[in-house]
Amino acid sequence: MAAARLADEVPRVRVAARRALADEVDAMVTAPISKQWWDRAGHHYPGHSELLARIGRAAQWRMMFAGERLRLALVTVHVGLARVPDLLRTQRVLDTIALLLSLIPI
């Protein structure tokens, strides 16, 4: 029974994302997921970010954290720490900065 509930997470995320894109809701909140169960259920996304980027047809996207005093975006997501040095490239960092500057008023 738990597996079936966890397998239903992806369709629920899709519905919430589509409602947000249609301005039917003001925000979307997600909780931690079981990537293993998503994969077992046939939903092959490393996490929410990749799924939401696909639903929103985002050519460029980054995982972002925002608070009252700090906003940051990750250059890499959903990869093992050992792979991060190989993925950190100047252009990827610059692309992340440019994306943030295009979205956040200074």
Protein backbone atom coordinates (compact mmCIF):
# COMPACT_ATOMS: atom_id res chain seq x y z
CA MET A 1 0.00 0.00 0.00
CA ALA A 2 2.83 2.45 0.80
CA ALA A 3 4.37 1.79 -2.62
CA ALA A 4 1.12 2.69 -4.37
CA ARG A 5 0.85 5.93 -2.39
CA LEU A 6 4.44 6.83 -3.23
CA ALA A 7 3.88 6.01 -6.90
CA ASP A 8 1.00 8.51 -6.90
CA GLU A 9 3.35 11.36 -5.94
CA VAL A 10 4.43 12.15 -9.52
CA PRO A 11 0.90 12.60 -10.89
CA ARG A 12 0.11 14.84 -7.91
CA VAL A 13 3.21 16.95 -8.55
CA ARG A 14 2.20 17.22 -12.21
CA VAL A 15 -1.30 18.43 -11.29
CA ALA A 16 0.07 20.96 -8.80
CA ALA A 17 2.59 22.27 -11.35
CA ARG A 18 -0.03 22.63 -14.08
CA ARG A 19 -2.32 24.49 -11.67
CA ALA A 20 0.54 26.84 -10.76
CA LEU A 21 1.35 27.45 -14.43
CA ALA A 22 -2.32 28.22 -15.08
CA ASP A 23 -2.35 30.74 -12.19
CA GLU A 24 -4.97 28.65 -10.39
CA VAL A 25 -2.81 28.66 -7.24
CA ASP A 26 -0.32 31.13 -5.82
CA ALA A 27 2.34 28.64 -4.80
CA MET A 28 3.37 25.03 -4.89
CA VAL A 29 4.99 23.26 -1.95
CA THR A 30 6.70 19.90 -2.17
CA ALA A 31 8.01 17.51 0.44
CA PRO A 32 10.92 15.10 0.31
CA ILE A 33 10.36 12.24 -2.08
CA SER A 34 11.55 8.68 -2.37
CA LYS A 35 13.55 8.73 -5.59
CA GLN A 36 13.80 4.94 -5.38
CA TRP A 37 10.00 4.56 -5.37
CA TRP A 38 9.58 7.13 -8.14
CA ASP A 39 11.98 5.05 -10.23
CA ARG A 40 10.24 1.78 -9.33
CA ALA A 41 6.92 3.31 -10.38
CA GLY A 42 8.38 4.18 -13.79
CA HIS A 43 8.94 7.89 -13.14
CA HIS A 44 12.60 8.39 -13.98
CA TYR A 45 13.45 11.81 -12.60
CA PRO A 46 16.27 12.44 -10.13
CA GLY A 47 13.99 14.82 -8.23
CA HIS A 48 11.24 17.42 -8.30
CA SER A 49 13.41 19.97 -10.09
CA GLU A 50 13.85 17.95 -13.25
CA LEU A 51 10.17 17.01 -13.36
CA LEU A 52 9.07 20.62 -12.85
CA ALA A 53 11.50 21.87 -15.51
CA ARG A 54 10.03 19.40 -17.99
CA ILE A 55 6.43 20.32 -17.15
CA GLY A 56 7.26 24.02 -17.44
CA ARG A 57 9.25 23.45 -20.65
CA ALA A 58 12.18 25.31 -19.11
CA ALA A 59 15.19 25.48 -21.39
CA GLN A 60 17.30 26.61 -18.44
CA TRP A 61 16.50 25.99 -14.81
CA ARG A 62 18.20 25.82 -11.45
CA MET A 63 17.17 24.69 -8.01
CA MET A 64 16.78 27.82 -5.94
CA PHE A 65 16.43 28.61 -2.28
CA ALA A 66 14.99 31.95 -1.20
CA GLY A 67 14.64 33.61 2.16
CA GLU A 68 14.18 37.12 3.45
CA ARG A 69 17.85 38.01 3.21
CA LEU A 70 19.38 35.44 0.91
CA ARG A 71 18.58 33.90 -2.46
CA LEU A 72 20.81 31.30 -4.02
CA ALA A 73 20.77 28.89 -6.88
CA LEU A 74 22.70 25.66 -7.17
CA VAL A 75 24.98 25.12 -10.14
CA THR A 76 24.64 21.34 -9.82
CA VAL A 77 21.75 19.28 -8.45
CA HIS A 78 20.98 15.64 -7.75
CA VAL A 79 24.52 14.38 -8.30
CA GLY A 80 26.92 12.77 -5.90
CA LEU A 81 29.38 15.11 -4.25
CA ALA A 82 32.29 13.31 -5.91
CA ARG A 83 30.95 14.40 -9.35
CA VAL A 84 30.57 18.09 -8.48
CA PRO A 85 34.16 19.15 -9.31
CA ASP A 86 33.81 17.66 -12.81
CA LEU A 87 30.50 19.48 -13.38
CA LEU A 88 31.59 22.91 -12.15
CA ARG A 89 32.60 24.71 -15.30
CA THR A 90 32.97 28.45 -15.79
CA GLN A 91 30.17 28.60 -18.37
CA ARG A 92 27.74 26.72 -16.13
CA VAL A 93 28.46 29.10 -13.25
CA LEU A 94 28.04 32.12 -15.56
CA ASP A 95 24.79 30.68 -16.95
CA THR A 96 23.49 30.27 -13.39
CA ILE A 97 24.39 33.87 -12.54
CA ALA A 98 22.78 35.17 -15.74
CA LEU A 99 19.59 33.20 -15.08
CA LEU A 100 19.32 34.59 -11.56
CA LEU A 101 19.98 38.14 -12.72
CA SER A 102 17.22 37.80 -15.31
CA LEU A 103 14.70 36.73 -12.65
CA ILE A 104 15.59 38.66 -9.51
CA PRO A 105 15.33 42.42 -9.31
CA ILE A 106 18.46 44.00 -7.90
